[in-house]
Amino acid sequence: MRTLFLALLLSTSFVAIAQDTKPAQPARPFKVKIGGGYALPAYQSTNASDSKGGFLYMIEPQYEIVKNLDLGVRLEQALVKRAEVLGNVIYYQSKANAVSSALVTANYTIPVGSSLRAYLGVGTGLYYVDASEQINQTIRYPLPVTTTLGGMGRVGVKFSLVYLEADYNLIGDTNVTNNASRLTLTAKNSYFSVKAGITIGGSR
């Protein structure tokens, strides 16, 4: 999935360069957001090394269905290390390296000035996390691949082509229980992010 995201970002960049070499066109309802930023696991253990933030990148085609209301599809990958906790006592760092997602989004824009706009958004769709495994006293706790529905809420500002936003991605936990120890290993999948980027097309 990482290769797919990178290919989409590169192709969109070429579109942006080509667009900048053409004369100014009337604003159209279709636009594409691309960006990158920093993601941080929503659940933090007392040991900072058990959950780590990391880089994220995304692309989001959008279409303005009515004035100031856009529908879109967000593709994102956040390179975060979630916390995994055994029996609510022992914390581990996940062996899964990223959270990938494909969401349907809705965004409402609030004009603030001639080129400045604020916006609010929500989204829902699929989140994907690789499998992980932890070992405690020779007992294995294999966490399966997570493919689950989740939700996202965002707030942001846009000035001309440039935008800055913060969002929260609510994703269900992944659990595995060992029948011998009767202990449950829980992976905390939700994360926050802050990102910046540009919007190609649409209104300014």
N, C-alpha and C. Protein backbone atom coordinates (compact mmCIF):
# COMPACT_ATOMS: atom_id res chain seq x y z
N MET A 1 0.84 -1.21 0.00
CA MET A 1 0.00 0.00 0.00
C MET A 1 0.87 1.25 0.00
N ARG A 2 2.05 1.19 0.65
CA ARG A 2 2.94 2.36 0.66
C ARG A 2 3.37 2.73 -0.74
N THR A 3 3.67 1.71 -1.58
CA THR A 3 4.07 1.97 -2.96
C THR A 3 2.95 2.66 -3.74
N LEU A 4 1.70 2.22 -3.51
CA LEU A 4 0.56 2.85 -4.18
C LEU A 4 0.42 4.31 -3.79
N PHE A 5 0.55 4.62 -2.50
CA PHE A 5 0.45 6.00 -2.04
C PHE A 5 1.52 6.87 -2.68
N LEU A 6 2.77 6.37 -2.71
CA LEU A 6 3.87 7.15 -3.29
C LEU A 6 3.64 7.41 -4.77
N ALA A 7 3.12 6.40 -5.47
CA ALA A 7 2.84 6.58 -6.89
C ALA A 7 1.77 7.63 -7.12
N LEU A 8 0.73 7.62 -6.28
CA LEU A 8 -0.33 8.63 -6.40
C LEU A 8 0.19 10.02 -6.12
N LEU A 9 1.05 10.14 -5.10
CA LEU A 9 1.60 11.45 -4.77
C LEU A 9 2.46 12.00 -5.91
N LEU A 10 3.29 11.13 -6.50
CA LEU A 10 4.16 11.57 -7.59
C LEU A 10 3.34 11.99 -8.80
N SER A 11 2.31 11.19 -9.15
CA SER A 11 1.50 11.54 -10.31
C SER A 11 0.76 12.85 -10.10
N THR A 12 0.29 13.08 -8.87
CA THR A 12 -0.41 14.33 -8.57
C THR A 12 0.54 15.52 -8.65
N SER A 13 1.78 15.33 -8.23
CA SER A 13 2.77 16.40 -8.31
C SER A 13 3.02 16.82 -9.76
N PHE A 14 3.08 15.83 -10.67
CA PHE A 14 3.26 16.15 -12.09
C PHE A 14 2.06 16.93 -12.62
N VAL A 15 0.85 16.57 -12.17
CA VAL A 15 -0.35 17.31 -12.57
C VAL A 15 -0.27 18.75 -12.10
N ALA A 16 0.22 18.95 -10.86
CA ALA A 16 0.34 20.30 -10.30
C ALA A 16 1.31 21.14 -11.11
N ILE A 17 2.45 20.54 -11.50
CA ILE A 17 3.45 21.27 -12.28
C ILE A 17 2.87 21.66 -13.64
N ALA A 18 2.17 20.70 -14.27
CA ALA A 18 1.57 20.98 -15.57
C ALA A 18 0.52 22.07 -15.46
N GLN A 19 -0.26 22.05 -14.39
CA GLN A 19 -1.30 23.06 -14.20
C GLN A 19 -0.72 24.45 -14.04
N ASP A 20 0.41 24.55 -13.33
CA ASP A 20 1.03 25.86 -13.09
C ASP A 20 1.58 26.49 -14.36
N THR A 21 1.84 25.68 -15.41
CA THR A 21 2.39 26.22 -16.64
C THR A 21 1.30 26.70 -17.59
N LYS A 22 0.02 26.45 -17.23
CA LYS A 22 -1.08 26.86 -18.10
C LYS A 22 -1.66 28.18 -17.63
N PRO A 23 -2.37 28.90 -18.52
CA PRO A 23 -3.05 30.13 -18.10
C PRO A 23 -4.08 29.82 -17.02
N ALA A 24 -4.41 30.84 -16.23
CA ALA A 24 -5.38 30.68 -15.15
C ALA A 24 -6.72 30.21 -15.70
N GLN A 25 -7.30 29.20 -15.01
CA GLN A 25 -8.58 28.64 -15.42
C GLN A 25 -9.65 28.99 -14.39
N PRO A 26 -10.92 29.03 -14.80
CA PRO A 26 -12.00 29.25 -13.84
C PRO A 26 -12.01 28.14 -12.78
N ALA A 27 -12.40 28.50 -11.56
CA ALA A 27 -12.45 27.52 -10.48
C ALA A 27 -13.43 26.40 -10.82
N ARG A 28 -13.04 25.16 -10.51
CA ARG A 28 -13.88 24.01 -10.76
C ARG A 28 -14.14 23.29 -9.44
N PRO A 29 -15.22 22.49 -9.37
CA PRO A 29 -15.57 21.85 -8.11
C PRO A 29 -14.64 20.70 -7.73
N PHE A 30 -13.83 20.18 -8.66
CA PHE A 30 -12.93 19.08 -8.36
C PHE A 30 -11.58 19.60 -7.89
N LYS A 31 -11.03 18.97 -6.85
CA LYS A 31 -9.72 19.35 -6.32
C LYS A 31 -9.03 18.13 -5.75
N VAL A 32 -7.73 18.23 -5.51
CA VAL A 32 -6.96 17.15 -4.90
C VAL A 32 -6.06 17.74 -3.83
N LYS A 33 -6.16 17.21 -2.63
CA LYS A 33 -5.27 17.60 -1.53
C LYS A 33 -4.14 16.59 -1.42
N ILE A 34 -2.91 17.08 -1.29
CA ILE A 34 -1.78 16.22 -0.98
C ILE A 34 -1.05 16.85 0.21
N GLY A 35 -0.45 16.02 1.03
CA GLY A 35 0.22 16.58 2.20
C GLY A 35 0.99 15.54 2.99
N GLY A 36 1.66 16.03 3.98
CA GLY A 36 2.43 15.18 4.89
C GLY A 36 2.47 15.83 6.25
N GLY A 37 2.89 15.06 7.24
CA GLY A 37 2.94 15.61 8.59
C GLY A 37 3.42 14.60 9.60
N TYR A 38 2.91 14.73 10.81
CA TYR A 38 3.37 13.90 11.93
C TYR A 38 2.17 13.26 12.60
N ALA A 39 2.29 11.96 12.89
CA ALA A 39 1.22 11.22 13.57
C ALA A 39 1.73 10.73 14.92
N LEU A 40 0.84 10.70 15.89
CA LEU A 40 1.20 10.28 17.25
C LEU A 40 0.12 9.34 17.78
N PRO A 41 0.50 8.17 18.32
CA PRO A 41 -0.51 7.28 18.89
C PRO A 41 -1.33 7.98 19.95
N ALA A 42 -2.64 7.76 19.93
CA ALA A 42 -3.51 8.42 20.91
C ALA A 42 -3.30 7.88 22.31
N TYR A 43 -2.89 6.62 22.41
CA TYR A 43 -2.68 6.00 23.72
C TYR A 43 -1.19 5.96 24.00
N GLN A 44 -0.76 6.61 25.08
CA GLN A 44 0.64 6.67 25.44
C GLN A 44 0.87 5.93 26.76
N SER A 45 1.89 5.07 26.80
CA SER A 45 2.25 4.38 28.04
C SER A 45 3.20 5.27 28.85
N THR A 46 3.52 4.85 30.06
CA THR A 46 4.44 5.61 30.90
C THR A 46 5.86 5.57 30.35
N ASN A 47 6.17 4.54 29.57
CA ASN A 47 7.48 4.44 28.93
C ASN A 47 7.35 4.95 27.49
N ALA A 48 8.00 6.06 27.21
CA ALA A 48 7.83 6.72 25.91
C ALA A 48 8.25 5.84 24.74
N SER A 49 9.16 4.89 24.97
CA SER A 49 9.63 4.05 23.87
C SER A 49 8.60 3.00 23.45
N ASP A 50 7.56 2.79 24.24
CA ASP A 50 6.56 1.78 23.90
C ASP A 50 5.60 2.24 22.82
N SER A 51 5.48 3.53 22.60
CA SER A 51 4.61 4.05 21.54
C SER A 51 5.31 5.26 20.93
N LYS A 52 5.49 5.24 19.61
CA LYS A 52 6.26 6.27 18.94
C LYS A 52 5.48 6.89 17.79
N GLY A 53 5.63 8.19 17.63
CA GLY A 53 5.05 8.89 16.50
C GLY A 53 5.94 8.78 15.28
N GLY A 54 5.43 9.23 14.14
CA GLY A 54 6.22 9.17 12.93
C GLY A 54 5.57 9.95 11.79
N PHE A 55 6.23 9.93 10.65
CA PHE A 55 5.80 10.66 9.46
C PHE A 55 4.52 10.06 8.89
N LEU A 56 3.71 10.90 8.28
CA LEU A 56 2.55 10.41 7.52
C LEU A 56 2.47 11.15 6.19
N TYR A 57 1.83 10.53 5.23
CA TYR A 57 1.58 11.17 3.94
C TYR A 57 0.20 10.76 3.44
N MET A 58 -0.42 11.63 2.66
CA MET A 58 -1.79 11.40 2.24
C MET A 58 -2.10 12.07 0.91
N ILE A 59 -3.18 11.59 0.28
CA ILE A 59 -3.73 12.22 -0.92
C ILE A 59 -5.25 12.10 -0.79
N GLU A 60 -5.97 13.16 -1.18
CA GLU A 60 -7.42 13.17 -1.01
C GLU A 60 -8.11 13.92 -2.15
N PRO A 61 -8.59 13.20 -3.16
CA PRO A 61 -9.45 13.85 -4.17
C PRO A 61 -10.77 14.27 -3.53
N GLN A 62 -11.26 15.46 -3.90
CA GLN A 62 -12.51 15.98 -3.35
C GLN A 62 -13.37 16.56 -4.47
N TYR A 63 -14.69 16.57 -4.23
CA TYR A 63 -15.62 17.17 -5.18
C TYR A 63 -16.64 18.00 -4.40
N GLU A 64 -16.82 19.26 -4.81
CA GLU A 64 -17.75 20.16 -4.14
C GLU A 64 -19.17 19.88 -4.65
N ILE A 65 -19.97 19.18 -3.83
CA ILE A 65 -21.32 18.81 -4.28
C ILE A 65 -22.30 19.97 -4.18
N VAL A 66 -22.13 20.81 -3.15
CA VAL A 66 -22.85 22.08 -3.04
C VAL A 66 -21.86 23.09 -2.51
N LYS A 67 -22.22 24.36 -2.54
CA LYS A 67 -21.29 25.41 -2.13
C LYS A 67 -20.76 25.15 -0.72
N ASN A 68 -19.45 25.12 -0.57
CA ASN A 68 -18.73 24.96 0.69
C ASN A 68 -18.79 23.55 1.29
N LEU A 69 -19.37 22.58 0.59
CA LEU A 69 -19.42 21.21 1.10
C LEU A 69 -18.76 20.27 0.10
N ASP A 70 -17.67 19.64 0.53
CA ASP A 70 -16.90 18.73 -0.32
C ASP A 70 -17.04 17.29 0.16
N LEU A 71 -17.16 16.37 -0.78
CA LEU A 71 -17.03 14.95 -0.50
C LEU A 71 -15.71 14.48 -1.10
N GLY A 72 -15.02 13.57 -0.38
CA GLY A 72 -13.72 13.12 -0.86
C GLY A 72 -13.41 11.70 -0.46
N VAL A 73 -12.24 11.25 -0.91
CA VAL A 73 -11.70 9.94 -0.54
C VAL A 73 -10.26 10.17 -0.09
N ARG A 74 -10.00 9.91 1.21
CA ARG A 74 -8.66 10.12 1.75
C ARG A 74 -7.89 8.81 1.83
N LEU A 75 -6.72 8.79 1.19
CA LEU A 75 -5.78 7.67 1.31
C LEU A 75 -4.60 8.16 2.13
N GLU A 76 -4.29 7.45 3.22
CA GLU A 76 -3.25 7.93 4.13
C GLU A 76 -2.47 6.75 4.72
N GLN A 77 -1.20 7.00 4.98
CA GLN A 77 -0.39 6.04 5.73
C GLN A 77 0.39 6.78 6.80
N ALA A 78 0.22 6.35 8.05
CA ALA A 78 0.91 6.95 9.19
C ALA A 78 1.92 5.95 9.73
N LEU A 79 3.18 6.35 9.77
CA LEU A 79 4.26 5.45 10.21
C LEU A 79 4.43 5.58 11.72
N VAL A 80 3.48 5.01 12.45
CA VAL A 80 3.47 5.11 13.91
C VAL A 80 3.66 3.73 14.53
N LYS A 81 4.16 3.73 15.76
CA LYS A 81 4.28 2.52 16.57
C LYS A 81 3.25 2.61 17.69
N ARG A 82 2.20 1.82 17.59
CA ARG A 82 1.17 1.82 18.62
C ARG A 82 1.68 1.15 19.90
N ALA A 83 1.02 1.43 21.01
CA ALA A 83 1.32 0.74 22.26
C ALA A 83 0.53 -0.56 22.31
N GLU A 84 1.14 -1.61 22.85
CA GLU A 84 0.47 -2.88 23.09
C GLU A 84 0.64 -3.23 24.56
N VAL A 85 -0.45 -3.55 25.24
CA VAL A 85 -0.42 -3.74 26.68
C VAL A 85 -1.00 -5.11 27.04
N LEU A 86 -0.28 -5.84 27.89
CA LEU A 86 -0.69 -7.18 28.33
C LEU A 86 -1.30 -7.09 29.71
N GLY A 87 -2.56 -7.46 29.81
CA GLY A 87 -3.24 -7.46 31.10
C GLY A 87 -3.30 -6.10 31.77
N ASN A 88 -3.26 -5.02 30.97
CA ASN A 88 -3.29 -3.64 31.50
C ASN A 88 -2.10 -3.33 32.40
N VAL A 89 -1.02 -4.11 32.29
CA VAL A 89 0.14 -3.93 33.18
C VAL A 89 1.44 -3.81 32.41
N ILE A 90 1.71 -4.75 31.50
CA ILE A 90 3.00 -4.81 30.81
C ILE A 90 2.84 -4.22 29.41
N TYR A 91 3.68 -3.24 29.08
CA TYR A 91 3.60 -2.53 27.81
C TYR A 91 4.69 -3.00 26.85
N TYR A 92 4.33 -3.05 25.57
CA TYR A 92 5.27 -3.42 24.52
C TYR A 92 5.14 -2.44 23.36
N GLN A 93 6.20 -2.37 22.55
CA GLN A 93 6.13 -1.61 21.30
C GLN A 93 5.70 -2.56 20.19
N SER A 94 4.77 -2.13 19.38
CA SER A 94 4.24 -2.98 18.32
C SER A 94 5.29 -3.32 17.28
N LYS A 95 5.17 -4.50 16.72
CA LYS A 95 6.00 -4.87 15.57
C LYS A 95 5.35 -4.44 14.25
N ALA A 96 4.14 -3.92 14.32
CA ALA A 96 3.49 -3.31 13.15
C ALA A 96 4.04 -1.89 12.99
N ASN A 97 4.41 -1.52 11.77
CA ASN A 97 5.12 -0.27 11.55
C ASN A 97 4.27 0.90 11.07
N ALA A 98 3.00 0.65 10.72
CA ALA A 98 2.21 1.73 10.12
C ALA A 98 0.73 1.42 10.25
N VAL A 99 -0.06 2.50 10.09
CA VAL A 99 -1.52 2.39 9.98
C VAL A 99 -1.91 3.01 8.64
N SER A 100 -2.55 2.22 7.79
CA SER A 100 -2.99 2.70 6.48
C SER A 100 -4.51 2.82 6.47
N SER A 101 -5.03 3.73 5.67
CA SER A 101 -6.48 3.94 5.68
C SER A 101 -6.98 4.43 4.34
N ALA A 102 -8.25 4.13 4.09
CA ALA A 102 -8.99 4.65 2.93
C ALA A 102 -10.37 5.06 3.44
N LEU A 103 -10.63 6.38 3.47
CA LEU A 103 -11.85 6.91 4.07
C LEU A 103 -12.66 7.73 3.08
N VAL A 104 -13.97 7.68 3.23
CA VAL A 104 -14.86 8.63 2.57
C VAL A 104 -15.02 9.81 3.51
N THR A 105 -14.81 11.03 3.00
CA THR A 105 -14.80 12.22 3.86
C THR A 105 -15.84 13.24 3.43
N ALA A 106 -16.26 14.06 4.38
CA ALA A 106 -17.12 15.21 4.12
C ALA A 106 -16.50 16.40 4.83
N ASN A 107 -16.38 17.53 4.13
CA ASN A 107 -15.72 18.71 4.67
C ASN A 107 -16.56 19.95 4.41
N TYR A 108 -16.75 20.75 5.45
CA TYR A 108 -17.51 21.99 5.32
C TYR A 108 -16.57 23.18 5.50
N THR A 109 -16.56 24.07 4.53
CA THR A 109 -15.65 25.21 4.52
C THR A 109 -16.37 26.47 4.99
N ILE A 110 -15.67 27.26 5.82
CA ILE A 110 -16.21 28.51 6.34
C ILE A 110 -15.33 29.65 5.86
N PRO A 111 -15.79 30.50 4.93
CA PRO A 111 -14.97 31.62 4.45
C PRO A 111 -14.67 32.58 5.60
N VAL A 112 -13.39 32.98 5.69
CA VAL A 112 -12.95 33.93 6.73
C VAL A 112 -12.50 35.24 6.10
N GLY A 113 -11.81 35.15 4.98
CA GLY A 113 -11.35 36.33 4.26
C GLY A 113 -11.32 36.03 2.77
N SER A 114 -10.70 36.90 2.01
CA SER A 114 -10.67 36.72 0.56
C SER A 114 -9.96 35.43 0.15
N SER A 115 -8.88 35.08 0.86
CA SER A 115 -8.14 33.86 0.53
C SER A 115 -8.05 32.89 1.71
N LEU A 116 -8.56 33.29 2.87
CA LEU A 116 -8.46 32.46 4.09
C LEU A 116 -9.79 31.76 4.35
N ARG A 117 -9.71 30.46 4.59
CA ARG A 117 -10.90 29.67 4.90
C ARG A 117 -10.59 28.71 6.03
N ALA A 118 -11.57 28.51 6.89
CA ALA A 118 -11.49 27.45 7.91
C ALA A 118 -12.39 26.31 7.46
N TYR A 119 -12.12 25.10 7.94
CA TYR A 119 -12.99 23.98 7.57
C TYR A 119 -13.02 22.92 8.67
N LEU A 120 -14.13 22.21 8.69
CA LEU A 120 -14.36 21.08 9.59
C LEU A 120 -14.67 19.87 8.73
N GLY A 121 -14.26 18.70 9.20
CA GLY A 121 -14.49 17.51 8.40
C GLY A 121 -14.64 16.25 9.23
N VAL A 122 -15.30 15.27 8.65
CA VAL A 122 -15.43 13.94 9.25
C VAL A 122 -15.20 12.92 8.15
N GLY A 123 -14.90 11.69 8.58
CA GLY A 123 -14.69 10.63 7.61
C GLY A 123 -14.92 9.27 8.23
N THR A 124 -15.19 8.30 7.39
CA THR A 124 -15.33 6.92 7.85
C THR A 124 -14.86 5.99 6.75
N GLY A 125 -14.30 4.85 7.16
CA GLY A 125 -13.80 3.91 6.17
C GLY A 125 -12.95 2.84 6.81
N LEU A 126 -12.06 2.26 6.01
CA LEU A 126 -11.27 1.13 6.44
C LEU A 126 -9.88 1.55 6.90
N TYR A 127 -9.44 0.94 8.00
CA TYR A 127 -8.08 1.09 8.51
C TYR A 127 -7.40 -0.28 8.48
N TYR A 128 -6.10 -0.27 8.18
CA TYR A 128 -5.34 -1.52 8.08
C TYR A 128 -4.06 -1.42 8.89
N VAL A 129 -3.81 -2.43 9.74
CA VAL A 129 -2.56 -2.50 10.52
C VAL A 129 -2.00 -3.91 10.39
N ASP A 130 -0.68 -4.04 10.18
CA ASP A 130 -0.04 -5.35 10.06
C ASP A 130 -0.15 -6.14 11.36
N ALA A 131 0.12 -7.44 11.26
CA ALA A 131 0.13 -8.31 12.43
C ALA A 131 1.32 -7.99 13.33
N SER A 132 1.21 -8.37 14.58
CA SER A 132 2.28 -8.18 15.55
C SER A 132 2.26 -9.36 16.52
N GLU A 133 3.34 -9.54 17.26
CA GLU A 133 3.39 -10.61 18.25
C GLU A 133 4.29 -10.21 19.41
N GLN A 134 3.88 -10.58 20.62
CA GLN A 134 4.69 -10.35 21.81
C GLN A 134 4.84 -11.68 22.56
N ILE A 135 5.94 -11.81 23.31
CA ILE A 135 6.22 -13.02 24.08
C ILE A 135 6.46 -12.63 25.53
N ASN A 136 5.75 -13.30 26.42
CA ASN A 136 5.92 -13.06 27.86
C ASN A 136 6.06 -14.41 28.56
N GLN A 137 7.26 -14.65 29.11
CA GLN A 137 7.55 -15.92 29.80
C GLN A 137 7.25 -17.12 28.91
N THR A 138 7.76 -17.07 27.69
CA THR A 138 7.65 -18.10 26.65
C THR A 138 6.23 -18.25 26.09
N ILE A 139 5.27 -17.49 26.58
CA ILE A 139 3.91 -17.55 26.06
C ILE A 139 3.75 -16.50 24.97
N ARG A 140 3.27 -16.95 23.82
CA ARG A 140 3.13 -16.06 22.66
C ARG A 140 1.73 -15.44 22.59
N TYR A 141 1.71 -14.18 22.19
CA TYR A 141 0.45 -13.46 22.00
C TYR A 141 0.46 -12.87 20.59
N PRO A 142 -0.02 -13.65 19.60
CA PRO A 142 0.00 -13.18 18.20
C PRO A 142 -1.20 -12.30 17.87
N LEU A 143 -0.96 -11.03 17.69
CA LEU A 143 -2.02 -10.11 17.27
C LEU A 143 -2.24 -10.23 15.77
N PRO A 144 -3.46 -10.46 15.32
CA PRO A 144 -3.71 -10.65 13.88
C PRO A 144 -3.66 -9.32 13.12
N VAL A 145 -3.64 -9.44 11.81
CA VAL A 145 -3.82 -8.26 10.95
C VAL A 145 -5.15 -7.60 11.30
N THR A 146 -5.13 -6.27 11.40
CA THR A 146 -6.35 -5.52 11.70
C THR A 146 -6.86 -4.84 10.44
N THR A 147 -8.07 -5.19 10.02
CA THR A 147 -8.78 -4.48 8.96
C THR A 147 -10.15 -4.16 9.52
N THR A 148 -10.39 -2.90 9.83
CA THR A 148 -11.60 -2.55 10.56
C THR A 148 -12.13 -1.19 10.14
N LEU A 149 -13.43 -0.99 10.36
CA LEU A 149 -14.02 0.32 10.14
C LEU A 149 -13.62 1.28 11.26
N GLY A 150 -13.40 2.52 10.90
CA GLY A 150 -13.06 3.54 11.89
C GLY A 150 -13.58 4.89 11.46
N GLY A 151 -13.31 5.90 12.27
CA GLY A 151 -13.79 7.24 11.97
C GLY A 151 -12.72 8.29 12.17
N MET A 152 -12.91 9.44 11.57
CA MET A 152 -11.95 10.54 11.63
C MET A 152 -12.69 11.86 11.79
N GLY A 153 -12.14 12.75 12.62
CA GLY A 153 -12.63 14.12 12.73
C GLY A 153 -11.47 15.07 12.52
N ARG A 154 -11.69 16.20 11.85
CA ARG A 154 -10.60 17.12 11.52
C ARG A 154 -11.05 18.57 11.64
N VAL A 155 -10.07 19.43 11.82
CA VAL A 155 -10.27 20.87 11.78
C VAL A 155 -9.04 21.46 11.09
N GLY A 156 -9.26 22.47 10.25
CA GLY A 156 -8.12 23.03 9.53
C GLY A 156 -8.38 24.42 9.01
N VAL A 157 -7.30 25.00 8.46
CA VAL A 157 -7.39 26.30 7.81
C VAL A 157 -6.68 26.20 6.46
N LYS A 158 -7.16 27.00 5.52
CA LYS A 158 -6.59 27.01 4.18
C LYS A 158 -6.37 28.44 3.75
N PHE A 159 -5.15 28.72 3.24
CA PHE A 159 -4.84 30.03 2.69
C PHE A 159 -4.38 29.84 1.26
N SER A 160 -5.22 30.27 0.32
CA SER A 160 -4.95 30.06 -1.10
C SER A 160 -4.76 28.56 -1.37
N LEU A 161 -3.57 28.14 -1.83
CA LEU A 161 -3.34 26.73 -2.12
C LEU A 161 -2.94 25.92 -0.90
N VAL A 162 -2.46 26.59 0.14
CA VAL A 162 -1.83 25.91 1.28
C VAL A 162 -2.84 25.65 2.39
N TYR A 163 -2.75 24.48 3.02
CA TYR A 163 -3.62 24.18 4.16
C TYR A 163 -2.83 23.60 5.32
N LEU A 164 -3.39 23.74 6.52
CA LEU A 164 -2.86 23.16 7.75
C LEU A 164 -4.02 22.58 8.52
N GLU A 165 -3.90 21.32 8.96
CA GLU A 165 -5.01 20.69 9.67
C GLU A 165 -4.54 19.73 10.75
N ALA A 166 -5.43 19.47 11.70
CA ALA A 166 -5.22 18.48 12.74
C ALA A 166 -6.40 17.53 12.71
N ASP A 167 -6.14 16.24 12.94
CA ASP A 167 -7.25 15.29 12.97
C ASP A 167 -7.02 14.20 13.99
N TYR A 168 -8.12 13.51 14.30
CA TYR A 168 -8.08 12.37 15.21
C TYR A 168 -8.70 11.18 14.51
N ASN A 169 -7.99 10.06 14.50
CA ASN A 169 -8.46 8.85 13.86
C ASN A 169 -8.83 7.83 14.93
N LEU A 170 -10.13 7.54 15.03
CA LEU A 170 -10.66 6.63 16.03
C LEU A 170 -10.76 5.23 15.42
N ILE A 171 -9.94 4.31 15.95
CA ILE A 171 -9.85 2.95 15.42
C ILE A 171 -10.01 1.98 16.58
N GLY A 172 -10.79 0.94 16.39
CA GLY A 172 -10.99 -0.05 17.44
C GLY A 172 -9.70 -0.77 17.81
N ASP A 173 -9.60 -1.20 19.07
CA ASP A 173 -8.43 -1.95 19.54
C ASP A 173 -8.39 -3.34 18.89
N THR A 174 -7.18 -3.91 18.86
CA THR A 174 -6.98 -5.30 18.44
C THR A 174 -6.61 -6.11 19.67
N ASN A 175 -7.25 -7.26 19.87
CA ASN A 175 -7.03 -8.06 21.08
C ASN A 175 -6.74 -9.51 20.75
N VAL A 176 -5.93 -10.14 21.59
CA VAL A 176 -5.74 -11.59 21.53
C VAL A 176 -5.58 -12.10 22.96
N THR A 177 -6.29 -13.19 23.29
CA THR A 177 -6.25 -13.77 24.63
C THR A 177 -5.62 -15.16 24.57
N ASN A 178 -4.66 -15.42 25.45
CA ASN A 178 -4.04 -16.74 25.54
C ASN A 178 -4.84 -17.59 26.53
N ASN A 179 -5.27 -18.76 26.10
CA ASN A 179 -6.12 -19.60 26.94
C ASN A 179 -5.38 -20.14 28.16
N ALA A 180 -4.06 -20.33 28.03
CA ALA A 180 -3.30 -20.88 29.16
C ALA A 180 -3.10 -19.83 30.26
N SER A 181 -2.66 -18.64 29.89
CA SER A 181 -2.40 -17.59 30.89
C SER A 181 -3.65 -16.81 31.25
N ARG A 182 -4.66 -16.87 30.38
CA ARG A 182 -5.90 -16.10 30.53
C ARG A 182 -5.64 -14.59 30.52
N LEU A 183 -4.54 -14.18 29.93
CA LEU A 183 -4.22 -12.76 29.80
C LEU A 183 -4.52 -12.30 28.38
N THR A 184 -4.89 -11.03 28.25
CA THR A 184 -5.21 -10.45 26.95
C THR A 184 -4.19 -9.38 26.58
N LEU A 185 -3.67 -9.48 25.37
CA LEU A 185 -2.80 -8.45 24.82
C LEU A 185 -3.67 -7.53 23.95
N THR A 186 -3.62 -6.23 24.24
CA THR A 186 -4.46 -5.25 23.53
C THR A 186 -3.58 -4.25 22.80
N ALA A 187 -3.84 -4.06 21.53
CA ALA A 187 -3.14 -3.06 20.72
C ALA A 187 -4.04 -1.84 20.56
N LYS A 188 -3.50 -0.65 20.87
CA LYS A 188 -4.24 0.61 20.79
C LYS A 188 -3.96 1.25 19.43
N ASN A 189 -4.94 1.24 18.54
CA ASN A 189 -4.72 1.65 17.15
C ASN A 189 -4.98 3.12 16.84
N SER A 190 -5.73 3.83 17.65
CA SER A 190 -6.11 5.21 17.34
C SER A 190 -4.89 6.13 17.34
N TYR A 191 -4.97 7.22 16.55
CA TYR A 191 -3.85 8.17 16.53
C TYR A 191 -4.32 9.58 16.17
N PHE A 192 -3.51 10.56 16.60
CA PHE A 192 -3.67 11.97 16.22
C PHE A 192 -2.72 12.28 15.09
N SER A 193 -3.00 13.36 14.34
CA SER A 193 -2.02 13.82 13.36
C SER A 193 -2.16 15.31 13.11
N VAL A 194 -1.05 15.90 12.71
CA VAL A 194 -1.00 17.29 12.24
C VAL A 194 -0.31 17.25 10.89
N LYS A 195 -0.90 17.92 9.90
CA LYS A 195 -0.32 17.84 8.55
C LYS A 195 -0.49 19.16 7.81
N ALA A 196 0.32 19.34 6.80
CA ALA A 196 0.25 20.52 5.95
C ALA A 196 0.45 20.06 4.51
N GLY A 197 -0.06 20.87 3.58
CA GLY A 197 0.09 20.50 2.18
C GLY A 197 -0.52 21.54 1.27
N ILE A 198 -0.82 21.13 0.04
CA ILE A 198 -1.40 22.03 -0.94
C ILE A 198 -2.66 21.40 -1.53
N THR A 199 -3.53 22.26 -2.05
CA THR A 199 -4.75 21.81 -2.73
C THR A 199 -4.65 22.23 -4.19
N ILE A 200 -4.79 21.27 -5.08
CA ILE A 200 -4.71 21.52 -6.51
C ILE A 200 -6.12 21.55 -7.08
N GLY A 201 -6.47 22.63 -7.77
CA GLY A 201 -7.79 22.75 -8.36
C GLY A 201 -8.78 23.37 -7.39
N GLY A 202 -10.04 23.37 -7.77
CA GLY A 202 -11.08 23.94 -6.92
C GLY A 202 -10.99 25.45 -6.85
N SER A 203 -11.71 26.01 -5.89
CA SER A 203 -11.71 27.46 -5.71
C SER A 203 -10.55 27.88 -4.83
N ARG A 204 -10.15 29.12 -4.93
CA ARG A 204 -9.04 29.64 -4.14
C ARG A 204 -9.58 30.36 -2.90
